Amino acid sequence: LDNNNRRLVAQGLRRIRAGQMQAGIRALFDAAGRRAEAATTFD
């Protein structure tokens, strides 16, 4: 996770937390029992 990769990841996580994600990603959060609004790199 160099600076550029961290920016890409941060931007993606920000959208996931805001509910702006593909239906499949939302469904995977639900299937895993994780909260998309608090998404982390660990998730």
Full PDB file with SEQRES, HELIX, SHEET, SSBOND, CRYST1, ORIGX, SCALE, CONECT and MASTER records, all heavy atoms in Angstrom:
SEQRES   1 A   43  LEU ASP ASN ASN ASN ARG ARG LEU VAL ALA GLN GLY LEU          
SEQRES   2 A   43  ARG ARG ILE ARG ALA GLY GLN MET GLN ALA GLY ILE ARG          
SEQRES   3 A   43  ALA LEU PHE ASP ALA ALA GLY ARG ARG ALA GLU ALA ALA          
SEQRES   4 A   43  THR THR PHE ASP                                              
HELIX    1 AA1 ASN A    3  ARG A   17  1                                  15    
HELIX    2 AA2 ALA A   23  ALA A   32  1                                  10    
HELIX    3 AA3 ALA A   36  ALA A   38  5                                   3    
CRYST1    1.000    1.000    1.000  90.00  90.00  90.00 P 1           1          
ORIGX1      1.000000  0.000000  0.000000        0.00000                         
ORIGX2      0.000000  1.000000  0.000000        0.00000                         
ORIGX3      0.000000  0.000000  1.000000        0.00000                         
SCALE1      1.000000  0.000000  0.000000        0.00000                         
SCALE2      0.000000  1.000000  0.000000        0.00000                         
SCALE3      0.000000  0.000000  1.000000        0.00000                         
ATOM      1  N   LEU A   1       0.842  -1.200   0.000  1.00  0.00           N  
ATOM      2  CA  LEU A   1       0.000   0.000   0.000  1.00  0.00           C  
ATOM      3  C   LEU A   1       0.878   1.251   0.000  1.00  0.00           C  
ATOM      4  O   LEU A   1       1.053   1.916   1.020  1.00  0.00           O  
ATOM      5  CB  LEU A   1      -0.949  -0.011   1.201  1.00  0.00           C  
ATOM      6  CG  LEU A   1      -2.021  -1.102   1.180  1.00  0.00           C  
ATOM      7  CD1 LEU A   1      -2.961  -0.957   2.361  1.00  0.00           C  
ATOM      8  CD2 LEU A   1      -2.822  -1.065  -0.123  1.00  0.00           C  
ATOM      9  N   ASP A   2       1.428   1.555  -1.178  1.00  0.00           N  
ATOM     10  CA  ASP A   2       2.155   2.805  -1.345  1.00  0.00           C  
ATOM     11  C   ASP A   2       1.151   3.954  -1.364  1.00  0.00           C  
ATOM     12  O   ASP A   2      -0.061   3.748  -1.239  1.00  0.00           O  
ATOM     13  CB  ASP A   2       3.012   2.772  -2.615  1.00  0.00           C  
ATOM     14  CG  ASP A   2       2.196   2.484  -3.875  1.00  0.00           C  
ATOM     15  OD1 ASP A   2       0.968   2.755  -3.871  1.00  0.00           O  
ATOM     16  OD2 ASP A   2       2.761   2.002  -4.865  1.00  0.00           O  
ATOM     17  N   ASN A   3       1.649   5.183  -1.512  1.00  0.00           N  
ATOM     18  CA  ASN A   3       0.750   6.339  -1.455  1.00  0.00           C  
ATOM     19  C   ASN A   3      -0.398   6.235  -2.455  1.00  0.00           C  
ATOM     20  O   ASN A   3      -1.553   6.540  -2.144  1.00  0.00           O  
ATOM     21  CB  ASN A   3       1.536   7.633  -1.707  1.00  0.00           C  
ATOM     22  CG  ASN A   3       2.421   8.007  -0.531  1.00  0.00           C  
ATOM     23  OD1 ASN A   3       2.316   7.419   0.541  1.00  0.00           O  
ATOM     24  ND2 ASN A   3       3.295   8.976  -0.715  1.00  0.00           N  
ATOM     25  N   ASN A   4      -0.078   5.796  -3.694  1.00  0.00           N  
ATOM     26  CA  ASN A   4      -1.107   5.735  -4.727  1.00  0.00           C  
ATOM     27  C   ASN A   4      -2.144   4.660  -4.418  1.00  0.00           C  
ATOM     28  O   ASN A   4      -3.358   4.885  -4.555  1.00  0.00           O  
ATOM     29  CB  ASN A   4      -0.464   5.481  -6.091  1.00  0.00           C  
ATOM     30  CG  ASN A   4      -1.317   5.975  -7.237  1.00  0.00           C  
ATOM     31  OD1 ASN A   4      -1.576   7.177  -7.359  1.00  0.00           O  
ATOM     32  ND2 ASN A   4      -1.780   5.066  -8.086  1.00  0.00           N  
ATOM     33  N   ASN A   5      -1.683   3.490  -4.005  1.00  0.00           N  
ATOM     34  CA  ASN A   5      -2.635   2.430  -3.655  1.00  0.00           C  
ATOM     35  C   ASN A   5      -3.485   2.822  -2.451  1.00  0.00           C  
ATOM     36  O   ASN A   5      -4.681   2.501  -2.391  1.00  0.00           O  
ATOM     37  CB  ASN A   5      -1.887   1.122  -3.367  1.00  0.00           C  
ATOM     38  CG  ASN A   5      -1.508   0.371  -4.631  1.00  0.00           C  
ATOM     39  OD1 ASN A   5      -2.097   0.582  -5.687  1.00  0.00           O  
ATOM     40  ND2 ASN A   5      -0.515  -0.494  -4.539  1.00  0.00           N  
ATOM     41  N   ARG A   6      -2.888   3.517  -1.486  1.00  0.00           N  
ATOM     42  CA  ARG A   6      -3.674   3.941  -0.323  1.00  0.00           C  
ATOM     43  C   ARG A   6      -4.765   4.918  -0.739  1.00  0.00           C  
ATOM     44  O   ARG A   6      -5.870   4.893  -0.190  1.00  0.00           O  
ATOM     45  CB  ARG A   6      -2.772   4.574   0.745  1.00  0.00           C  
ATOM     46  CG  ARG A   6      -1.884   3.572   1.462  1.00  0.00           C  
ATOM     47  CD  ARG A   6      -1.484   4.023   2.856  1.00  0.00           C  
ATOM     48  NE  ARG A   6      -1.180   5.425   2.948  1.00  0.00           N  
ATOM     49  CZ  ARG A   6      -0.023   5.989   2.625  1.00  0.00           C  
ATOM     50  NH1 ARG A   6       0.947   5.236   2.151  1.00  0.00           N  
ATOM     51  NH2 ARG A   6       0.169   7.283   2.768  1.00  0.00           N  
ATOM     52  N   ARG A   7      -4.473   5.765  -1.710  1.00  0.00           N  
ATOM     53  CA  ARG A   7      -5.504   6.702  -2.191  1.00  0.00           C  
ATOM     54  C   ARG A   7      -6.650   5.943  -2.869  1.00  0.00           C  
ATOM     55  O   ARG A   7      -7.823   6.250  -2.653  1.00  0.00           O  
ATOM     56  CB  ARG A   7      -4.884   7.721  -3.149  1.00  0.00           C  
ATOM     57  CG  ARG A   7      -3.976   8.722  -2.435  1.00  0.00           C  
ATOM     58  CD  ARG A   7      -3.340   9.737  -3.370  1.00  0.00           C  
ATOM     59  NE  ARG A   7      -2.458  10.616  -2.611  1.00  0.00           N  
ATOM     60  CZ  ARG A   7      -1.153  10.743  -2.803  1.00  0.00           C  
ATOM     61  NH1 ARG A   7      -0.554  10.065  -3.770  1.00  0.00           N  
ATOM     62  NH2 ARG A   7      -0.430  11.559  -2.054  1.00  0.00           N  
ATOM     63  N   LEU A   8      -6.307   4.974  -3.697  1.00  0.00           N  
ATOM     64  CA  LEU A   8      -7.344   4.182  -4.356  1.00  0.00           C  
ATOM     65  C   LEU A   8      -8.221   3.466  -3.333  1.00  0.00           C  
ATOM     66  O   LEU A   8      -9.453   3.457  -3.434  1.00  0.00           O  
ATOM     67  CB  LEU A   8      -6.701   3.158  -5.300  1.00  0.00           C  
ATOM     68  CG  LEU A   8      -6.047   3.697  -6.574  1.00  0.00           C  
ATOM     69  CD1 LEU A   8      -5.232   2.605  -7.257  1.00  0.00           C  
ATOM     70  CD2 LEU A   8      -7.089   4.263  -7.534  1.00  0.00           C  
ATOM     71  N   VAL A   9      -7.583   2.881  -2.320  1.00  0.00           N  
ATOM     72  CA  VAL A   9      -8.332   2.152  -1.294  1.00  0.00           C  
ATOM     73  C   VAL A   9      -9.171   3.111  -0.461  1.00  0.00           C  
ATOM     74  O   VAL A   9     -10.349   2.836  -0.168  1.00  0.00           O  
ATOM     75  CB  VAL A   9      -7.374   1.336  -0.406  1.00  0.00           C  
ATOM     76  CG1 VAL A   9      -8.117   0.731   0.783  1.00  0.00           C  
ATOM     77  CG2 VAL A   9      -6.697   0.235  -1.224  1.00  0.00           C  
ATOM     78  N   ALA A  10      -8.595   4.244  -0.061  1.00  0.00           N  
ATOM     79  CA  ALA A  10      -9.334   5.209   0.749  1.00  0.00           C  
ATOM     80  C   ALA A  10     -10.575   5.707   0.024  1.00  0.00           C  
ATOM     81  O   ALA A  10     -11.653   5.837   0.613  1.00  0.00           O  
ATOM     82  CB  ALA A  10      -8.425   6.385   1.121  1.00  0.00           C  
ATOM     83  N   GLN A  11     -10.429   5.969  -1.269  1.00  0.00           N  
ATOM     84  CA  GLN A  11     -11.574   6.446  -2.048  1.00  0.00           C  
ATOM     85  C   GLN A  11     -12.665   5.378  -2.141  1.00  0.00           C  
ATOM     86  O   GLN A  11     -13.857   5.676  -2.050  1.00  0.00           O  
ATOM     87  CB  GLN A  11     -11.107   6.847  -3.450  1.00  0.00           C  
ATOM     88  CG  GLN A  11     -10.320   8.140  -3.505  1.00  0.00           C  
ATOM     89  CD  GLN A  11     -11.203   9.361  -3.312  1.00  0.00           C  
ATOM     90  OE1 GLN A  11     -12.401   9.327  -3.569  1.00  0.00           O  
ATOM     91  NE2 GLN A  11     -10.617  10.457  -2.852  1.00  0.00           N  
ATOM     92  N   GLY A  12     -12.258   4.131  -2.310  1.00  0.00           N  
ATOM     93  CA  GLY A  12     -13.241   3.055  -2.381  1.00  0.00           C  
ATOM     94  C   GLY A  12     -13.949   2.844  -1.061  1.00  0.00           C  
ATOM     95  O   GLY A  12     -15.180   2.684  -1.022  1.00  0.00           O  
ATOM     96  N   LEU A  13     -13.198   2.847   0.046  1.00  0.00           N  
ATOM     97  CA  LEU A  13     -13.807   2.659   1.361  1.00  0.00           C  
ATOM     98  C   LEU A  13     -14.770   3.793   1.690  1.00  0.00           C  
ATOM     99  O   LEU A  13     -15.827   3.570   2.287  1.00  0.00           O  
ATOM    100  CB  LEU A  13     -12.720   2.570   2.437  1.00  0.00           C  
ATOM    101  CG  LEU A  13     -11.901   1.278   2.471  1.00  0.00           C  
ATOM    102  CD1 LEU A  13     -10.808   1.387   3.522  1.00  0.00           C  
ATOM    103  CD2 LEU A  13     -12.787   0.071   2.757  1.00  0.00           C  
ATOM    104  N   ARG A  14     -14.410   5.006   1.295  1.00  0.00           N  
ATOM    105  CA  ARG A  14     -15.274   6.162   1.570  1.00  0.00           C  
ATOM    106  C   ARG A  14     -16.633   5.972   0.897  1.00  0.00           C  
ATOM    107  O   ARG A  14     -17.679   6.264   1.481  1.00  0.00           O  
ATOM    108  CB  ARG A  14     -14.589   7.437   1.082  1.00  0.00           C  
ATOM    109  CG  ARG A  14     -15.368   8.714   1.397  1.00  0.00           C  
ATOM    110  CD  ARG A  14     -14.519   9.925   1.096  1.00  0.00           C  
ATOM    111  NE  ARG A  14     -13.308   9.900   1.908  1.00  0.00           N  
ATOM    112  CZ  ARG A  14     -12.131  10.393   1.513  1.00  0.00           C  
ATOM    113  NH1 ARG A  14     -12.014  10.934   0.323  1.00  0.00           N  
ATOM    114  NH2 ARG A  14     -11.092  10.345   2.314  1.00  0.00           N  
ATOM    115  N   ARG A  15     -16.616   5.464  -0.326  1.00  0.00           N  
ATOM    116  CA  ARG A  15     -17.881   5.250  -1.038  1.00  0.00           C  
ATOM    117  C   ARG A  15     -18.676   4.102  -0.427  1.00  0.00           C  
ATOM    118  O   ARG A  15     -19.908   4.173  -0.336  1.00  0.00           O  
ATOM    119  CB  ARG A  15     -17.592   5.014  -2.525  1.00  0.00           C  
ATOM    120  CG  ARG A  15     -17.249   6.302  -3.248  1.00  0.00           C  
ATOM    121  CD  ARG A  15     -16.582   6.099  -4.594  1.00  0.00           C  
ATOM    122  NE  ARG A  15     -16.441   7.385  -5.269  1.00  0.00           N  
ATOM    123  CZ  ARG A  15     -15.499   8.282  -4.963  1.00  0.00           C  
ATOM    124  NH1 ARG A  15     -14.611   8.021  -4.013  1.00  0.00           N  
ATOM    125  NH2 ARG A  15     -15.436   9.428  -5.607  1.00  0.00           N  
ATOM    126  N   ILE A  16     -17.989   3.051   0.000  1.00  0.00           N  
ATOM    127  CA  ILE A  16     -18.688   1.932   0.640  1.00  0.00           C  
ATOM    128  C   ILE A  16     -19.376   2.408   1.919  1.00  0.00           C  
ATOM    129  O   ILE A  16     -20.547   2.099   2.167  1.00  0.00           O  
ATOM    130  CB  ILE A  16     -17.703   0.783   0.945  1.00  0.00           C  
ATOM    131  CG1 ILE A  16     -17.218   0.136  -0.371  1.00  0.00           C  
ATOM    132  CG2 ILE A  16     -18.361  -0.266   1.834  1.00  0.00           C  
ATOM    133  CD1 ILE A  16     -16.104  -0.871  -0.188  1.00  0.00           C  
ATOM    134  N   ARG A  17     -18.665   3.169   2.727  1.00  0.00           N  
ATOM    135  CA  ARG A  17     -19.241   3.649   3.988  1.00  0.00           C  
ATOM    136  C   ARG A  17     -20.442   4.562   3.748  1.00  0.00           C  
ATOM    137  O   ARG A  17     -21.349   4.635   4.575  1.00  0.00           O  
ATOM    138  CB  ARG A  17     -18.176   4.396   4.794  1.00  0.00           C  
ATOM    139  CG  ARG A  17     -17.067   3.507   5.338  1.00  0.00           C  
ATOM    140  CD  ARG A  17     -15.922   4.334   5.879  1.00  0.00           C  
ATOM    141  NE  ARG A  17     -14.759   3.527   6.206  1.00  0.00           N  
ATOM    142  CZ  ARG A  17     -13.508   3.975   6.233  1.00  0.00           C  
ATOM    143  NH1 ARG A  17     -13.267   5.257   5.952  1.00  0.00           N  
ATOM    144  NH2 ARG A  17     -12.512   3.180   6.548  1.00  0.00           N  
ATOM    145  N   ALA A  18     -20.422   5.242   2.605  1.00  0.00           N  
ATOM    146  CA  ALA A  18     -21.539   6.132   2.274  1.00  0.00           C  
ATOM    147  C   ALA A  18     -22.685   5.394   1.583  1.00  0.00           C  
ATOM    148  O   ALA A  18     -23.669   6.016   1.184  1.00  0.00           O  
ATOM    149  CB  ALA A  18     -21.040   7.268   1.379  1.00  0.00           C  
ATOM    150  N   GLY A  19     -22.561   4.074   1.444  1.00  0.00           N  
ATOM    151  CA  GLY A  19     -23.614   3.284   0.813  1.00  0.00           C  
ATOM    152  C   GLY A  19     -23.551   3.278  -0.701  1.00  0.00           C  
ATOM    153  O   GLY A  19     -24.472   2.782  -1.355  1.00  0.00           O  
ATOM    154  N   GLN A  20     -22.464   3.814  -1.279  1.00  0.00           N  
ATOM    155  CA  GLN A  20     -22.328   3.897  -2.737  1.00  0.00           C  
ATOM    156  C   GLN A  20     -21.443   2.754  -3.229  1.00  0.00           C  
ATOM    157  O   GLN A  20     -20.241   2.927  -3.438  1.00  0.00           O  
ATOM    158  CB  GLN A  20     -21.730   5.253  -3.128  1.00  0.00           C  
ATOM    159  CG  GLN A  20     -22.560   6.436  -2.656  1.00  0.00           C  
ATOM    160  CD  GLN A  20     -21.784   7.733  -2.703  1.00  0.00           C  
ATOM    161  OE1 GLN A  20     -20.619   7.777  -3.117  1.00  0.00           O  
ATOM    162  NE2 GLN A  20     -22.410   8.814  -2.252  1.00  0.00           N  
ATOM    163  N   MET A  21     -22.056   1.580  -3.372  1.00  0.00           N  
ATOM    164  CA  MET A  21     -21.280   0.403  -3.766  1.00  0.00           C  
ATOM    165  C   MET A  21     -22.136  -0.494  -4.651  1.00  0.00           C  
ATOM    166  O   MET A  21     -23.350  -0.335  -4.729  1.00  0.00           O  
ATOM    167  CB  MET A  21     -20.829  -0.360  -2.519  1.00  0.00           C  
ATOM    168  CG  MET A  21     -21.948  -1.111  -1.813  1.00  0.00           C  
ATOM    169  SD  MET A  21     -21.593  -1.562  -0.107  1.00  0.00           S  
ATOM    170  CE  MET A  21     -22.300  -0.134   0.737  1.00  0.00           C  
ATOM    171  N   GLN A  22     -21.484  -1.440  -5.305  1.00  0.00           N  
ATOM    172  CA  GLN A  22     -22.193  -2.397  -6.142  1.00  0.00           C  
ATOM    173  C   GLN A  22     -23.052  -3.305  -5.253  1.00  0.00           C  
ATOM    174  O   GLN A  22     -22.721  -3.556  -4.079  1.00  0.00           O  
ATOM    175  CB  GLN A  22     -21.196  -3.230  -6.952  1.00  0.00           C  
ATOM    176  CG  GLN A  22     -20.512  -2.480  -8.073  1.00  0.00           C  
ATOM    177  CD  GLN A  22     -19.497  -1.448  -7.584  1.00  0.00           C  
ATOM    178  OE1 GLN A  22     -18.935  -1.597  -6.503  1.00  0.00           O  
ATOM    179  NE2 GLN A  22     -19.274  -0.413  -8.371  1.00  0.00           N  
ATOM    180  N   ALA A  23     -24.123  -3.811  -5.823  1.00  0.00           N  
ATOM    181  CA  ALA A  23     -25.035  -4.675  -5.060  1.00  0.00           C  
ATOM    182  C   ALA A  23     -24.305  -5.887  -4.499  1.00  0.00           C  
ATOM    183  O   ALA A  23     -24.588  -6.337  -3.382  1.00  0.00           O  
ATOM    184  CB  ALA A  23     -26.191  -5.125  -5.954  1.00  0.00           C  
ATOM    185  N   GLY A  24     -23.351  -6.409  -5.262  1.00  0.00           N  
ATOM    186  CA  GLY A  24     -22.609  -7.590  -4.810  1.00  0.00           C  
ATOM    187  C   GLY A  24     -21.735  -7.312  -3.606  1.00  0.00           C  
ATOM    188  O   GLY A  24     -21.603  -8.160  -2.711  1.00  0.00           O  
ATOM    189  N   ILE A  25     -21.109  -6.148  -3.578  1.00  0.00           N  
ATOM    190  CA  ILE A  25     -20.282  -5.805  -2.418  1.00  0.00           C  
ATOM    191  C   ILE A  25     -21.161  -5.648  -1.179  1.00  0.00           C  
ATOM    192  O   ILE A  25     -20.826  -6.144  -0.095  1.00  0.00           O  
ATOM    193  CB  ILE A  25     -19.460  -4.534  -2.697  1.00  0.00           C  
ATOM    194  CG1 ILE A  25     -18.362  -4.848  -3.734  1.00  0.00           C  
ATOM    195  CG2 ILE A  25     -18.857  -3.969  -1.422  1.00  0.00           C  
ATOM    196  CD1 ILE A  25     -17.412  -3.708  -4.009  1.00  0.00           C  
ATOM    197  N   ARG A  26     -22.304  -5.001  -1.331  1.00  0.00           N  
ATOM    198  CA  ARG A  26     -23.221  -4.874  -0.192  1.00  0.00           C  
ATOM    199  C   ARG A  26     -23.668  -6.263   0.288  1.00  0.00           C  
ATOM    200  O   ARG A  26     -23.715  -6.524   1.498  1.00  0.00           O  
ATOM    201  CB  ARG A  26     -24.444  -4.048  -0.593  1.00  0.00           C  
ATOM    202  CG  ARG A  26     -25.419  -3.808   0.568  1.00  0.00           C  
ATOM    203  CD  ARG A  26     -26.634  -3.038   0.117  1.00  0.00           C  
ATOM    204  NE  ARG A  26     -26.315  -1.696  -0.322  1.00  0.00           N  
ATOM    205  CZ  ARG A  26     -26.134  -0.658   0.507  1.00  0.00           C  
ATOM    206  NH1 ARG A  26     -26.208  -0.845   1.813  1.00  0.00           N  
ATOM    207  NH2 ARG A  26     -25.860   0.534   0.024  1.00  0.00           N  
ATOM    208  N   ALA A  27     -23.983  -7.143  -0.649  1.00  0.00           N  
ATOM    209  CA  ALA A  27     -24.439  -8.489  -0.285  1.00  0.00           C  
ATOM    210  C   ALA A  27     -23.332  -9.273   0.408  1.00  0.00           C  
ATOM    211  O   ALA A  27     -23.600 -10.058   1.331  1.00  0.00           O  
ATOM    212  CB  ALA A  27     -24.911  -9.222  -1.534  1.00  0.00           C  
ATOM    213  N   LEU A  28     -22.091  -9.082  -0.010  1.00  0.00           N  
ATOM    214  CA  LEU A  28     -20.972  -9.779   0.632  1.00  0.00           C  
ATOM    215  C   LEU A  28     -20.764  -9.289   2.063  1.00  0.00           C  
ATOM    216  O   LEU A  28     -20.439 -10.080   2.958  1.00  0.00           O  
ATOM    217  CB  LEU A  28     -19.693  -9.597  -0.195  1.00  0.00           C  
ATOM    218  CG  LEU A  28     -19.629 -10.416  -1.490  1.00  0.00           C  
ATOM    219  CD1 LEU A  28     -18.508  -9.917  -2.383  1.00  0.00           C  
ATOM    220  CD2 LEU A  28     -19.448 -11.896  -1.181  1.00  0.00           C  
ATOM    221  N   PHE A  29     -20.949  -7.985   2.296  1.00  0.00           N  
ATOM    222  CA  PHE A  29     -20.881  -7.472   3.669  1.00  0.00           C  
ATOM    223  C   PHE A  29     -21.947  -8.150   4.519  1.00  0.00           C  
ATOM    224  O   PHE A  29     -21.675  -8.583   5.647  1.00  0.00           O  
ATOM    225  CB  PHE A  29     -21.073  -5.950   3.690  1.00  0.00           C  
ATOM    226  CG  PHE A  29     -19.788  -5.172   3.604  1.00  0.00           C  
ATOM    227  CD1 PHE A  29     -19.334  -4.682   2.394  1.00  0.00           C  
ATOM    228  CD2 PHE A  29     -19.037  -4.923   4.744  1.00  0.00           C  
ATOM    229  CE1 PHE A  29     -18.153  -3.968   2.313  1.00  0.00           C  
ATOM    230  CE2 PHE A  29     -17.852  -4.208   4.678  1.00  0.00           C  
ATOM    231  CZ  PHE A  29     -17.406  -3.726   3.459  1.00  0.00           C  
ATOM    232  N   ASP A  30     -23.158  -8.251   3.986  1.00  0.00           N  
ATOM    233  CA  ASP A  30     -24.250  -8.877   4.735  1.00  0.00           C  
ATOM    234  C   ASP A  30     -23.947 -10.353   5.007  1.00  0.00           C  
ATOM    235  O   ASP A  30     -24.143 -10.844   6.130  1.00  0.00           O  
ATOM    236  CB  ASP A  30     -25.564  -8.751   3.961  1.00  0.00           C  
ATOM    237  CG  ASP A  30     -26.064  -7.309   3.878  1.00  0.00           C  
ATOM    238  OD1 ASP A  30     -25.620  -6.478   4.706  1.00  0.00           O  
ATOM    239  OD2 ASP A  30     -26.887  -7.020   2.987  1.00  0.00           O  
ATOM    240  N   ALA A  31     -23.466 -11.068   3.991  1.00  0.00           N  
ATOM    241  CA  ALA A  31     -23.180 -12.497   4.147  1.00  0.00           C  
ATOM    242  C   ALA A  31     -22.072 -12.735   5.174  1.00  0.00           C  
ATOM    243  O   ALA A  31     -22.076 -13.743   5.880  1.00  0.00           O  
ATOM    244  CB  ALA A  31     -22.786 -13.105   2.797  1.00  0.00           C  
ATOM    245  N   ALA A  32     -21.139 -11.779   5.258  1.00  0.00           N  
ATOM    246  CA  ALA A  32     -20.017 -11.916   6.193  1.00  0.00           C  
ATOM    247  C   ALA A  32     -20.365 -11.398   7.587  1.00  0.00           C  
ATOM    248  O   ALA A  32     -19.550 -11.521   8.515  1.00  0.00           O  
ATOM    249  CB  ALA A  32     -18.797 -11.171   5.651  1.00  0.00           C  
ATOM    250  N   GLY A  33     -21.549 -10.811   7.736  1.00  0.00           N  
ATOM    251  CA  GLY A  33     -21.929 -10.258   9.026  1.00  0.00           C  
ATOM    252  C   GLY A  33     -21.137  -9.022   9.401  1.00  0.00           C  
ATOM    253  O   GLY A  33     -20.930  -8.737  10.586  1.00  0.00           O  
ATOM    254  N   ARG A  34     -20.714  -8.257   8.399  1.00  0.00           N  
ATOM    255  CA  ARG A  34     -19.937  -7.035   8.640  1.00  0.00           C  
ATOM    256  C   ARG A  34     -20.779  -5.819   8.268  1.00  0.00           C  
ATOM    257  O   ARG A  34     -21.717  -5.911   7.470  1.00  0.00           O  
ATOM    258  CB  ARG A  34     -18.644  -7.032   7.802  1.00  0.00           C  
ATOM    259  CG  ARG A  34     -17.819  -8.290   7.921  1.00  0.00           C  
ATOM    260  CD  ARG A  34     -17.201  -8.480   9.288  1.00  0.00           C  
ATOM    261  NE  ARG A  34     -16.229  -7.440   9.601  1.00  0.00           N  
ATOM    262  CZ  ARG A  34     -15.511  -7.416  10.716  1.00  0.00           C  
ATOM    263  NH1 ARG A  34     -15.678  -8.361  11.629  1.00  0.00           N  
ATOM    264  NH2 ARG A  34     -14.634  -6.446  10.927  1.00  0.00           N  
ATOM    265  N   ARG A  35     -20.423  -4.665   8.832  1.00  0.00           N  
ATOM    266  CA  ARG A  35     -21.189  -3.437   8.618  1.00  0.00           C  
ATOM    267  C   ARG A  35     -20.508  -2.583   7.546  1.00  0.00           C  
ATOM    268  O   ARG A  35     -19.406  -2.090   7.749  1.00  0.00           O  
ATOM    269  CB  ARG A  35     -21.292  -2.651   9.926  1.00  0.00           C  
ATOM    270  CG  ARG A  35     -22.106  -3.364  10.997  1.00  0.00           C  
ATOM    271  CD  ARG A  35     -21.991  -2.707  12.361  1.00  0.00           C  
ATOM    272  NE  ARG A  35     -22.344  -1.294  12.314  1.00  0.00           N  
ATOM    273  CZ  ARG A  35     -21.528  -0.303  12.687  1.00  0.00           C  
ATOM    274  NH1 ARG A  35     -20.304  -0.563  13.089  1.00  0.00           N  
ATOM    275  NH2 ARG A  35     -21.940   0.947  12.631  1.00  0.00           N  
ATOM    276  N   ALA A  36     -21.178  -2.416   6.409  1.00  0.00           N  
ATOM    277  CA  ALA A  36     -20.594  -1.643   5.314  1.00  0.00           C  
ATOM    278  C   ALA A  36     -20.352  -0.197   5.717  1.00  0.00           C  
ATOM    279  O   ALA A  36     -19.384   0.428   5.261  1.00  0.00           O  
ATOM    280  CB  ALA A  36     -21.501  -1.705   4.084  1.00  0.00           C  
ATOM    281  N   GLU A  37     -21.209   0.361   6.574  1.00  0.00           N  
ATOM    282  CA  GLU A  37     -21.046   1.763   6.969  1.00  0.00           C  
ATOM    283  C   GLU A  37     -19.794   1.988   7.812  1.00  0.00           C  
ATOM    284  O   GLU A  37     -19.372   3.125   8.014  1.00  0.00           O  
ATOM    285  CB  GLU A  37     -22.279   2.261   7.713  1.00  0.00           C  
ATOM    286  CG  GLU A  37     -22.590   1.552   9.013  1.00  0.00           C  
ATOM    287  CD  GLU A  37     -23.512   0.350   8.819  1.00  0.00           C  
ATOM    288  OE1 GLU A  37     -23.536  -0.210   7.698  1.00  0.00           O  
ATOM    289  OE2 GLU A  37     -24.197  -0.024   9.798  1.00  0.00           O  
ATOM    290  N   ALA A  38     -19.190   0.912   8.315  1.00  0.00           N  
ATOM    291  CA  ALA A  38     -17.943   1.020   9.079  1.00  0.00           C  
ATOM    292  C   ALA A  38     -16.836   0.221   8.392  1.00  0.00           C  
ATOM    293  O   ALA A  38     -15.937  -0.306   9.044  1.00  0.00           O  
ATOM    294  CB  ALA A  38     -18.160   0.532  10.502  1.00  0.00           C  
ATOM    295  N   ALA A  39     -16.878   0.136   7.074  1.00  0.00           N  
ATOM    296  CA  ALA A  39     -15.952  -0.703   6.309  1.00  0.00           C  
ATOM    297  C   ALA A  39     -14.493  -0.350   6.575  1.00  0.00           C  
ATOM    298  O   ALA A  39     -14.128   0.825   6.673  1.00  0.00           O  
ATOM    299  CB  ALA A  39     -16.246  -0.576   4.811  1.00  0.00           C  
ATOM    300  N   THR A  40     -13.662  -1.384   6.675  1.00  0.00           N  
ATOM    301  CA  THR A  40     -12.229  -1.209   6.895  1.00  0.00           C  
ATOM    302  C   THR A  40     -11.456  -2.068   5.900  1.00  0.00           C  
ATOM    303  O   THR A  40     -12.020  -2.934   5.219  1.00  0.00           O  
ATOM    304  CB  THR A  40     -11.830  -1.644   8.315  1.00  0.00           C  
ATOM    305  OG1 THR A  40     -12.036  -3.073   8.430  1.00  0.00           O  
ATOM    306  CG2 THR A  40     -12.650  -0.919   9.377  1.00  0.00           C  
ATOM    307  N   THR A  41     -10.153  -1.849   5.847  1.00  0.00           N  
ATOM    308  CA  THR A  41      -9.318  -2.718   5.016  1.00  0.00           C  
ATOM    309  C   THR A  41      -9.364  -4.151   5.535  1.00  0.00           C  
ATOM    310  O   THR A  41      -9.242  -5.102   4.757  1.00  0.00           O  
ATOM    311  CB  THR A  41      -7.863  -2.220   4.996  1.00  0.00           C  
ATOM    312  OG1 THR A  41      -7.411  -1.996   6.339  1.00  0.00           O  
ATOM    313  CG2 THR A  41      -7.723  -0.936   4.214  1.00  0.00           C  
ATOM    314  N   PHE A  42      -9.551  -4.319   6.845  1.00  0.00           N  
ATOM    315  CA  PHE A  42      -9.671  -5.668   7.412  1.00  0.00           C  
ATOM    316  C   PHE A  42     -10.861  -6.397   6.785  1.00  0.00           C  
ATOM    317  O   PHE A  42     -10.779  -7.583   6.458  1.00  0.00           O  
ATOM    318  CB  PHE A  42      -9.837  -5.583   8.927  1.00  0.00           C  
ATOM    319  CG  PHE A  42      -9.926  -6.932   9.601  1.00  0.00           C  
ATOM    320  CD1 PHE A  42      -8.779  -7.588  10.025  1.00  0.00           C  
ATOM    321  CD2 PHE A  42     -11.148  -7.551   9.792  1.00  0.00           C  
ATOM    322  CE1 PHE A  42      -8.854  -8.841  10.630  1.00  0.00           C  
ATOM    323  CE2 PHE A  42     -11.240  -8.803  10.395  1.00  0.00           C  
ATOM    324  CZ  PHE A  42     -10.090  -9.445  10.819  1.00  0.00           C  
ATOM    325  N   ASP A  43     -11.983  -5.700   6.606  1.00  0.00           N  
ATOM    326  CA  ASP A  43     -13.157  -6.314   5.985  1.00  0.00           C  
ATOM    327  C   ASP A  43     -12.841  -6.802   4.575  1.00  0.00           C  
ATOM    328  O   ASP A  43     -13.226  -7.899   4.173  1.00  0.00           O  
ATOM    329  CB  ASP A  43     -14.318  -5.315   5.927  1.00  0.00           C  
ATOM    330  CG  ASP A  43     -14.843  -4.952   7.301  1.00  0.00           C  
ATOM    331  OD1 ASP A  43     -14.914  -5.838   8.170  1.00  0.00           O  
ATOM    332  OD2 ASP A  43     -15.167  -3.771   7.517  1.00  0.00           O  
TER     333      ASP A  43                                                      
MASTER        0    0    0    3    0    0    0    6  332    1    0    4          
END                                                                             
